[in-house]
């Protein structure tokens, strides 16, 4: 048993203790792809076969956001609103960029918002300053900082609106909904903050295993509730105003003898389609839950994913931890197609654009795959440093942040 290449393990710790644990955490990073394999052969990324291009990926513009991250768990995802795309770089820069031209409208250094003393305590040259982002809403742009805080910037000009302490590291974008900002930290907590002041309103806590895959899934807002998935394999729906539990549902059950074999983290993208919530765990299951029936499981199947799901054409697309990509009928759990042509290439969360699925891989290739049958229709190498953050789609446009810190815009033609 082993984890996907480039994944990492961690123990949930507070921001104050994080710096002293760097050496320990370094031992748990699975960069060499050979730890914890037991008797299995080392998994070698498959070599790419030539394809017949049916469409083109045309680069429109490219912007240097700042230095990339050495931490595979830091996957900063841009967000689009009103002709602007807001993006962050791990070194600390947050930028607003015109989607049509690629011109930078404003840029703000999160590090510069801290005093000299706070910088010395919170930020280190060999570690990123931004750990999560970008969240957007209520005229705010939000990121998580290595100082253990949510940083809210004014959307118009990037000036500081407020900062709020978190209980531990935040690795997924803060969520804005109903006058609240929600953030999930790696210690098994979800907190709500006032959108105007950043004052914490409530905090929900659940127990998680001492050893987990480093990461969390993105929060989902549904009417007056917020939905979170945890490292213990459970999904919880919380009342947005008070943090009270609406329902709690188990997605996966630990199996095996060792702590590694019993990892069942929900780290990948969850998916809400009408009343059904689709969730996949690592080394566990993929389930469809009915939110109108207290999270009752409509169907379940064995699955293992660290990056999660997307949807299109009435299908669910899942990227498994071994980088197998599959299509499943959202209604009856029927398998439609599966491709192993990217096996062990550490593909990103699938993103649908037009009639295609877009994924990146560890060598920096961007792949387009037909939603109908899983055939490859285009491939383009865009950055030798690799791609780990999910692609963002807007119409026939794709926006990609590379591991070297560039934001690139492509048109599908």
Protein backbone atom coordinates (compact mmCIF):
# COMPACT_ATOMS: atom_id res chain seq x y z
CA UNK A 1 0.00 0.00 0.00
CA UNK A 2 1.25 3.47 -0.81
CA UNK A 3 0.09 7.00 -1.50
CA UNK A 4 -0.02 8.78 -4.82
CA UNK A 5 3.34 10.23 -5.83
CA UNK A 6 3.67 13.80 -4.61
CA UNK A 7 1.19 13.31 -1.79
CA UNK A 8 2.11 13.92 1.81
CA UNK A 9 1.08 12.93 5.29
CA UNK A 10 0.76 15.20 8.25
CA UNK A 11 -0.28 15.42 11.85
CA UNK A 12 -2.75 18.19 12.69
CA UNK A 13 -0.97 20.91 14.68
CA UNK A 14 -1.59 24.51 15.60
CA UNK A 15 0.10 27.35 13.68
CA UNK A 16 2.15 28.15 16.78
CA UNK A 17 3.66 24.66 16.81
CA UNK A 18 3.96 24.27 13.07
CA UNK A 19 7.45 25.73 12.75
CA UNK A 20 8.95 23.35 15.32
CA UNK A 21 7.41 20.40 13.46
CA UNK A 22 9.00 21.13 10.08
CA UNK A 23 11.63 18.42 10.47
CA UNK A 24 9.01 15.85 11.43
CA UNK A 25 6.72 16.75 8.57
CA UNK A 26 9.61 16.58 6.12
CA UNK A 27 10.02 12.93 7.00
CA UNK A 28 6.40 12.30 6.08
CA UNK A 29 6.47 13.83 2.60
CA UNK A 30 6.31 11.11 0.00
CA UNK A 31 8.32 12.85 -2.68
CA UNK A 32 10.36 9.83 -3.70
CA UNK A 33 7.33 7.65 -4.48
CA UNK A 34 8.95 4.65 -2.82
CA UNK A 35 7.88 4.85 0.83
CA UNK A 36 5.25 2.51 2.25
CA UNK A 37 5.14 0.20 -0.75
CA UNK A 38 5.66 -3.10 1.08
CA UNK A 39 5.93 -5.78 -1.60
CA UNK A 40 4.46 -3.75 -4.42
CA UNK A 41 6.64 -2.62 -7.30
CA UNK A 42 7.39 1.08 -7.56
CA UNK A 43 4.64 2.73 -9.54
CA UNK A 44 6.13 4.32 -12.65
CA UNK A 45 4.19 7.07 -14.46
CA UNK A 46 2.98 5.79 -17.81
CA UNK A 47 4.61 7.20 -20.92
CA UNK A 48 2.29 9.29 -23.03
CA UNK A 49 1.12 7.82 -26.31
CA UNK A 50 0.71 10.03 -29.35
CA UNK A 51 -2.83 11.25 -30.01
CA UNK A 52 -4.74 12.72 -32.94
CA UNK A 53 -5.59 16.33 -32.13
CA UNK A 54 -9.22 17.20 -32.79
CA UNK A 55 -9.18 20.67 -31.19
CA UNK A 56 -6.51 23.24 -30.35
CA UNK A 57 -5.38 24.89 -27.13
CA UNK A 58 -4.46 28.44 -28.08
CA UNK A 59 -2.57 30.50 -25.52
CA UNK A 60 -4.09 33.96 -25.06
CA UNK A 61 -1.84 35.39 -22.38
CA UNK A 62 0.46 34.49 -19.51
CA UNK A 63 1.24 36.34 -16.26
CA UNK A 64 3.94 35.65 -13.67
CA UNK A 65 2.18 35.59 -10.28
CA UNK A 66 5.30 34.88 -8.20
CA UNK A 67 7.32 31.89 -7.08
CA UNK A 68 5.61 28.52 -6.96
CA UNK A 69 5.40 26.21 -3.96
CA UNK A 70 7.47 23.19 -2.95
CA UNK A 71 4.50 21.92 -0.93
CA UNK A 72 2.31 19.58 -3.02
CA UNK A 73 -0.63 20.22 -0.68
CA UNK A 74 -0.72 23.94 -1.55
CA UNK A 75 -2.91 24.13 -4.66
CA UNK A 76 -3.99 27.73 -5.15
CA UNK A 77 -7.02 27.96 -7.42
CA UNK A 78 -7.95 31.22 -9.19
CA UNK A 79 -11.53 32.51 -9.28
CA UNK A 80 -13.32 34.57 -11.94
CA UNK A 81 -15.78 37.41 -11.43
CA UNK A 82 -16.89 40.34 -13.57
CA UNK A 83 -14.15 40.20 -16.21
CA UNK A 84 -11.42 39.72 -13.62
CA UNK A 85 -9.57 36.66 -12.45
CA UNK A 86 -8.17 36.72 -8.92
CA UNK A 87 -5.13 34.56 -8.26
CA UNK A 88 -2.50 34.03 -5.58
CA UNK A 89 1.08 32.82 -5.48
CA UNK A 90 2.52 30.89 -2.52
CA UNK A 91 5.22 33.52 -1.93
CA UNK A 92 2.50 35.98 -0.92
CA UNK A 93 1.23 37.93 -3.92
CA UNK A 94 -2.50 38.23 -4.63
CA UNK A 95 -3.40 39.67 -8.04
CA UNK A 96 -6.47 40.87 -9.91
CA UNK A 97 -6.06 40.37 -13.65
CA UNK A 98 -8.17 41.37 -16.65
CA UNK A 99 -9.42 38.14 -18.24
CA UNK A 100 -9.47 39.61 -21.75
CA UNK A 101 -5.96 41.05 -21.87
CA UNK A 102 -4.00 39.54 -19.00
CA UNK A 103 -3.21 43.03 -17.68
CA UNK A 104 -2.66 43.21 -13.92
CA UNK A 105 -5.25 45.52 -12.33
CA UNK A 106 -3.81 45.37 -8.83
CA UNK A 107 -1.34 43.30 -6.85
CA UNK A 108 -1.03 43.00 -3.09
CA UNK A 109 1.67 41.33 -1.01
CA UNK A 110 0.07 39.56 1.95
CA UNK A 111 3.43 39.56 3.77
CA UNK A 112 3.55 43.36 3.69
CA UNK A 113 0.28 43.49 5.63
CA UNK A 114 2.13 42.15 8.70
CA UNK A 115 4.49 44.04 10.99
CA UNK A 116 8.21 43.33 10.76
CA UNK A 117 8.06 41.38 14.02
CA UNK A 118 5.08 39.30 12.90
CA UNK A 119 6.81 38.53 9.60
CA UNK A 120 9.84 37.16 11.43
CA UNK A 121 7.64 34.89 13.52
CA UNK A 122 5.23 33.76 10.80
CA UNK A 123 7.01 33.62 7.43
CA UNK A 124 10.15 31.77 6.37
CA UNK A 125 12.09 32.02 3.11
CA UNK A 126 11.85 28.30 2.40
CA UNK A 127 8.08 28.16 2.97
CA UNK A 128 5.18 29.89 1.26
CA UNK A 129 3.27 32.79 2.79
CA UNK A 130 -0.10 31.82 1.28
CA UNK A 131 -1.48 28.34 1.93
CA UNK A 132 -4.99 28.58 0.46
CA UNK A 133 -7.09 30.58 -1.91
CA UNK A 134 -8.73 32.16 -3.59
CA UNK A 135 -12.11 32.72 -1.94
CA UNK A 136 -14.42 35.41 -3.30
CA UNK A 137 -17.66 37.08 -2.20
CA UNK A 138 -19.17 40.13 -0.52
CA UNK A 139 -16.62 42.32 -2.37
CA UNK A 140 -13.76 40.43 -0.68
CA UNK A 141 -10.84 38.35 -1.94
CA UNK A 142 -9.77 35.82 0.70
CA UNK A 143 -6.69 33.65 1.22
CA UNK A 144 -5.20 31.64 4.06
CA UNK A 145 -1.77 32.71 5.29
CA UNK A 146 1.11 30.75 6.80
CA UNK A 147 0.63 32.89 9.90
CA UNK A 148 -2.50 30.85 10.66
CA UNK A 149 -4.94 33.51 9.54
CA UNK A 150 -7.61 34.26 6.98
CA UNK A 151 -6.68 37.45 5.13
CA UNK A 152 -9.54 39.40 3.52
CA UNK A 153 -8.71 41.98 0.84
CA UNK A 154 -11.07 44.48 -0.73
CA UNK A 155 -11.98 43.21 -4.18
CA UNK A 156 -11.83 46.66 -5.79
CA UNK A 157 -8.20 47.53 -5.01
CA UNK A 158 -6.59 44.79 -2.91
CA UNK A 159 -6.37 46.81 0.29
CA UNK A 160 -6.71 44.98 3.61
CA UNK A 161 -10.27 44.55 4.93
CA UNK A 162 -9.49 42.32 7.94
CA UNK A 163 -7.46 39.40 9.25
CA UNK A 164 -8.75 36.58 11.46
CA UNK A 165 -6.93 33.84 13.39
CA UNK A 166 -7.54 30.19 12.55
CA UNK A 167 -6.91 27.19 14.80
CA UNK A 168 -4.54 25.53 12.33
CA UNK A 169 -3.39 25.60 8.73
CA UNK A 170 -6.03 26.24 6.06
CA UNK A 171 -5.33 24.58 2.70
CA UNK A 172 -8.54 25.19 0.74
CA UNK A 173 -10.20 28.48 -0.25
CA UNK A 174 -12.34 30.25 2.36
CA UNK A 175 -16.02 30.20 1.46
CA UNK A 176 -18.35 33.22 1.51
CA UNK A 177 -22.08 32.64 2.03
CA UNK A 178 -24.96 34.50 3.73
CA UNK A 179 -22.81 37.19 5.37
CA UNK A 180 -20.35 34.63 6.71
CA UNK A 181 -16.86 33.50 5.78
CA UNK A 182 -16.17 29.82 6.45
CA UNK A 183 -12.77 28.15 6.70
CA UNK A 184 -11.79 24.54 7.33
CA UNK A 185 -8.42 23.82 8.96
CA UNK A 186 -6.42 20.60 8.89
CA UNK A 187 -7.07 19.93 12.60
CA UNK A 188 -10.68 18.90 11.90
CA UNK A 189 -12.34 22.26 12.57
CA UNK A 190 -14.70 24.49 10.59
CA UNK A 191 -15.09 28.10 11.72
CA UNK A 192 -17.45 30.91 10.71
CA UNK A 193 -16.42 34.57 10.64
CA UNK A 194 -18.40 37.76 10.20
CA UNK A 195 -17.95 38.87 6.59
CA UNK A 196 -17.65 42.56 7.56
CA UNK A 197 -15.32 42.37 10.55
CA UNK A 198 -13.69 38.93 10.54
CA UNK A 199 -14.88 38.25 14.09
CA UNK A 200 -15.25 34.53 14.71
CA UNK A 201 -18.89 33.54 15.26
CA UNK A 202 -18.68 29.82 15.93
CA UNK A 203 -16.41 26.82 15.56
CA UNK A 204 -17.25 23.17 14.92
CA UNK A 205 -14.74 20.47 15.81
CA UNK A 206 -14.58 16.76 15.05
CA UNK A 207 -12.02 14.13 15.95
CA UNK A 208 -9.63 13.05 13.21
CA UNK A 209 -6.96 10.34 13.08
CA UNK A 210 -3.48 11.20 14.34
CA UNK A 211 -2.11 10.42 10.88
CA UNK A 212 -3.87 11.89 7.84
CA UNK A 213 -3.22 12.82 4.24
CA UNK A 214 -2.23 16.49 4.20
CA UNK A 215 -5.17 18.44 2.85
CA UNK A 216 -8.91 19.08 3.11
CA UNK A 217 -11.81 19.17 0.67
CA UNK A 218 -13.43 22.45 -0.34
CA UNK A 219 -16.45 23.56 1.66
CA UNK A 220 -19.81 23.70 -0.12
CA UNK A 221 -22.64 26.13 0.66
CA UNK A 222 -26.21 24.84 0.32
CA UNK A 223 -28.97 27.31 1.25
CA UNK A 224 -28.52 27.97 4.98
CA UNK A 225 -26.00 25.18 5.51
CA UNK A 226 -22.31 24.55 4.88
CA UNK A 227 -21.03 21.05 4.01
CA UNK A 228 -17.59 19.76 5.04
CA UNK A 229 -15.71 16.50 4.53
CA UNK A 230 -13.12 15.33 7.06
CA UNK A 231 -10.09 13.07 7.42
CA UNK A 232 -12.17 10.60 9.45
CA UNK A 233 -14.19 9.76 6.33
CA UNK A 234 -17.30 11.67 7.43
CA UNK A 235 -19.36 14.42 5.85
CA UNK A 236 -21.12 16.95 8.07
CA UNK A 237 -23.79 19.53 7.21
CA UNK A 238 -23.71 22.55 9.53
CA UNK A 239 -26.17 25.38 10.08
CA UNK A 240 -24.46 28.52 8.80
CA UNK A 241 -25.68 30.84 11.56
CA UNK A 242 -24.95 28.67 14.60
CA UNK A 243 -22.74 25.78 13.51
CA UNK A 244 -25.26 23.18 14.65
CA UNK A 245 -25.13 19.77 12.95
CA UNK A 246 -27.88 19.15 10.41
CA UNK A 247 -26.64 15.65 9.65
CA UNK A 248 -23.46 13.59 9.78
CA UNK A 249 -22.82 10.73 7.37
CA UNK A 250 -19.98 8.23 7.07
CA UNK A 251 -18.49 7.88 3.58
CA UNK A 252 -15.77 5.31 4.28
CA UNK A 253 -14.77 2.84 6.98
CA UNK A 254 -11.06 2.27 7.84
CA UNK A 255 -9.66 -1.07 6.72
CA UNK A 256 -6.37 -2.83 7.32
CA UNK A 257 -4.01 -3.08 10.26
CA UNK A 258 -1.60 -0.16 9.90
CA UNK A 259 -2.38 3.55 10.23
CA UNK A 260 -1.42 3.99 6.58
CA UNK A 261 -3.82 1.31 5.40
CA UNK A 262 -6.59 2.92 7.46
CA UNK A 263 -6.35 6.38 5.87
CA UNK A 264 -9.80 7.37 4.53
CA UNK A 265 -9.46 11.14 4.13
CA UNK A 266 -11.98 13.18 2.19
CA UNK A 267 -9.59 15.62 0.51
CA UNK A 268 -10.89 15.87 -3.04
CA UNK A 269 -13.56 18.06 -4.58
CA UNK A 270 -17.10 17.15 -3.46
CA UNK A 271 -19.92 17.74 -5.93
CA UNK A 272 -23.48 19.00 -5.38
CA UNK A 273 -26.03 18.28 -8.14
CA UNK A 274 -29.59 19.15 -7.14
CA UNK A 275 -30.45 17.29 -3.93
CA UNK A 276 -27.56 14.83 -4.30
CA UNK A 277 -24.09 15.28 -2.87
CA UNK A 278 -21.35 13.15 -4.42
CA UNK A 279 -18.26 12.44 -2.31
CA UNK A 280 -15.19 10.24 -2.81
CA UNK A 281 -12.68 9.35 -0.11
CA UNK A 282 -9.16 7.99 -0.20
CA UNK A 283 -9.02 4.18 0.12
CA UNK A 284 -12.76 4.06 0.70
CA UNK A 285 -15.89 4.78 -1.29
CA UNK A 286 -17.65 7.12 -3.64
CA UNK A 287 -21.21 7.81 -2.50
CA UNK A 288 -24.28 9.74 -3.56
CA UNK A 289 -26.08 11.30 -0.57
CA UNK A 290 -29.62 12.66 -0.58
CA UNK A 291 -29.60 15.99 1.27
CA UNK A 292 -33.39 15.96 1.49
CA UNK A 293 -33.22 12.73 3.52
CA UNK A 294 -30.62 13.63 6.14
CA UNK A 295 -27.76 12.52 3.94
CA UNK A 296 -29.11 9.04 3.25
CA UNK A 297 -26.78 7.18 0.88
CA UNK A 298 -28.51 6.49 -2.44
CA UNK A 299 -25.63 4.41 -3.77
CA UNK A 300 -22.04 3.60 -2.96
CA UNK A 301 -19.10 2.04 -4.77
CA UNK A 302 -15.46 1.35 -3.96
CA UNK A 303 -13.21 4.26 -4.88
CA UNK A 304 -10.00 6.00 -3.89
CA UNK A 305 -9.39 9.64 -4.78
CA UNK A 306 -7.37 12.51 -3.39
CA UNK A 307 -8.44 15.18 -5.91
CA UNK A 308 -12.12 14.40 -6.31
CA UNK A 309 -14.95 14.86 -8.77
CA UNK A 310 -16.50 17.00 -11.49
CA UNK A 311 -19.65 16.71 -13.59
CA UNK A 312 -20.91 17.16 -17.12
CA UNK A 313 -23.43 15.61 -19.55
CA UNK A 314 -25.19 14.04 -16.55
CA UNK A 315 -22.03 12.16 -15.63
CA UNK A 316 -19.68 12.18 -12.66
CA UNK A 317 -15.97 12.21 -13.50
CA UNK A 318 -13.59 10.84 -10.89
CA UNK A 319 -9.80 11.01 -10.88
CA UNK A 320 -8.59 8.08 -8.80
CA UNK A 321 -5.46 8.19 -6.66
CA UNK A 322 -3.60 6.19 -9.33
CA UNK A 323 -4.66 8.79 -11.96
CA UNK A 324 -7.21 6.57 -13.62
CA UNK A 325 -9.99 8.79 -14.99
CA UNK A 326 -13.53 7.40 -15.15
CA UNK A 327 -17.05 8.48 -16.07
CA UNK A 328 -20.05 7.28 -14.02
CA UNK A 329 -23.73 7.91 -14.67
CA UNK A 330 -24.85 10.29 -11.92
CA UNK A 331 -28.27 8.72 -11.62
CA UNK A 332 -27.78 4.97 -11.44
CA UNK A 333 -24.07 4.48 -10.68
CA UNK A 334 -23.48 2.89 -14.10
CA UNK A 335 -19.85 2.86 -15.29
CA UNK A 336 -19.60 4.57 -18.69
CA UNK A 337 -15.91 4.58 -19.54
CA UNK A 338 -12.48 4.53 -17.96
CA UNK A 339 -9.00 5.44 -19.17
CA UNK A 340 -5.63 4.50 -17.71
CA UNK A 341 -3.61 6.46 -20.28
CA UNK A 342 -2.48 8.84 -17.52
CA UNK A 343 -1.75 6.16 -14.93
CA UNK A 344 0.42 7.40 -12.02
CA UNK A 345 0.87 10.84 -13.62
CA UNK A 346 -0.65 12.67 -10.62
CA UNK A 347 -3.50 14.26 -12.55
CA UNK A 348 -5.40 17.25 -11.22
CA UNK A 349 -9.08 17.44 -10.33
CA UNK A 350 -10.98 17.04 -13.63
CA UNK A 351 -12.60 20.22 -14.99
CA UNK A 352 -15.27 20.23 -17.71
CA UNK A 353 -15.04 22.75 -20.53
CA UNK A 354 -17.41 22.61 -23.49
CA UNK A 355 -17.60 18.91 -24.49
CA UNK A 356 -14.29 18.04 -22.87
CA UNK A 357 -12.56 17.29 -19.59
CA UNK A 358 -9.33 19.13 -18.76
CA UNK A 359 -6.67 17.72 -16.44
CA UNK A 360 -3.04 18.60 -15.82
CA UNK A 361 -0.23 16.27 -14.80
CA UNK A 362 3.10 16.21 -12.96
CA UNK A 363 5.15 16.89 -16.11
CA UNK A 364 3.18 20.02 -16.99
CA UNK A 365 0.97 18.59 -19.72
CA UNK A 366 -2.59 19.86 -20.12
CA UNK A 367 -4.88 17.14 -21.51
CA UNK A 368 -8.30 17.47 -23.13
CA UNK A 369 -10.50 14.37 -23.06
CA UNK A 370 -13.92 13.87 -24.67
CA UNK A 371 -16.73 13.60 -22.14
CA UNK A 372 -18.61 11.16 -24.35
CA UNK A 373 -16.11 8.30 -24.52
CA UNK A 374 -12.84 9.26 -22.81
CA UNK A 375 -10.76 9.67 -25.96
CA UNK A 376 -7.92 12.20 -25.92
CA UNK A 377 -8.53 15.13 -28.28
CA UNK A 378 -5.64 17.47 -27.43
CA UNK A 379 -2.50 17.66 -25.33
CA UNK A 380 -0.11 20.55 -24.69
CA UNK A 381 2.95 20.85 -22.47
CA UNK A 382 2.79 24.23 -20.82
CA UNK A 383 5.23 24.15 -17.89
CA UNK A 384 8.09 21.79 -17.08
CA UNK A 385 7.57 22.36 -13.35
CA UNK A 386 4.25 20.53 -13.56
CA UNK A 387 0.59 21.22 -12.83
CA UNK A 388 -1.06 20.40 -9.52
CA UNK A 389 -3.83 23.02 -9.07
CA UNK A 390 -7.18 22.34 -10.75
CA UNK A 391 -7.86 24.03 -14.07
CA UNK A 392 -10.56 26.73 -14.05
CA UNK A 393 -13.00 26.97 -16.97
CA UNK A 394 -15.07 29.91 -18.19
CA UNK A 395 -16.93 29.30 -21.45
CA UNK A 396 -14.34 27.98 -23.87
CA UNK A 397 -11.51 29.51 -21.82
CA UNK A 398 -9.20 27.60 -19.52
CA UNK A 399 -7.08 29.23 -16.82
CA UNK A 400 -4.15 27.29 -15.39
CA UNK A 401 -1.71 28.12 -12.58
CA UNK A 402 1.53 26.22 -13.09
CA UNK A 403 3.83 24.96 -10.36
CA UNK A 404 6.36 27.61 -11.35
CA UNK A 405 3.85 30.36 -10.53
CA UNK A 406 2.48 31.40 -13.91
CA UNK A 407 -1.19 32.02 -14.64
CA UNK A 408 -1.97 31.08 -18.24
CA UNK A 409 -5.13 31.55 -20.30
CA UNK A 410 -6.02 29.19 -23.16
CA UNK A 411 -8.87 29.07 -25.64
CA UNK A 412 -10.31 25.78 -26.81
CA UNK A 413 -10.83 25.91 -30.58
